[in-house]
Amino acid sequence: MRIEANPFAYEFALKDTALVLIDMQRDFIEPGGFGETLGNDVSLLEAIVPATKAALAAWRKAGGLVVHTREAHKADLSDCPPAKRSRGNPSLRIGDEGPMGRILVAGEPGNQIIDALAPVEGEIVIDKPGKGMFYATDLHELLQQRGITHLLFGGVTTEVCVQTSMREANDRGYDGLLLEDCTESYFPAFKAATLDMIRAQGAIVGWTAPSAALLAALNHAA
């Protein structure tokens, strides 16, 4: 398959490719979660849900592998360094009790992926204690077992967990493409800068494209 992308066309085989949705969790996207405790306007992130839902539905229909990640810590916070917990001067810190349970703690209501994008049986769900999806997880091994070489990305936030995961993927030999309207930042300028950085110098980190280009490629192949 071929996606008309920036800086040039992105080619992939469905069987070798996974759609990765980064941290589409209530804690980041809904009011009362960690994102809002940092003083952010979470409605900016919520705006990408319709496009992401459409891309996910089309990818599922085509039979592609889906990976969901959640930034999540153990209940005792043994995998959360004190330096991380103290960053950002939030009104509620990681592990504190919030409106949706303990902030960024695995199993808490706020740590779950939003209902509109909830995983279904057979999809990979990764709880990661860091920004990147490969740090302290077994995701690389799971992808290698399935012969995955290409990754399509969506999720939040563009400049933090999404970009970190794409750079990690690049270092491990994956070809990654970021769906431009399926990712967002609390700071629109940061998203724009990240897109430029990812696709600079001949896709030094990866490619970018609107989700419509993915949908067109899937429709053409059907």
Foldseek 3Di string as FASTA:
>chain_A
DWFQWPPGIDDDDQLQEEEEAEALFLLQQPPFHVVVLLVFDNVQLVQLLVQLLVLVVLSVVLPHAYEYEFQAAALVNPLPDPVNQPPSPGPATQNGQIPQGGHRHPPTRRRARDPSPHDDPPHHYYHDNALERPPPTCVVVVSVVSNHQEYEYAYDALQTSVLNNLQVSVVVRHAYEYALSRHHYSDRVSSVVSQCVCRPPNRSSHIYDHSVSVSVVSVVVD
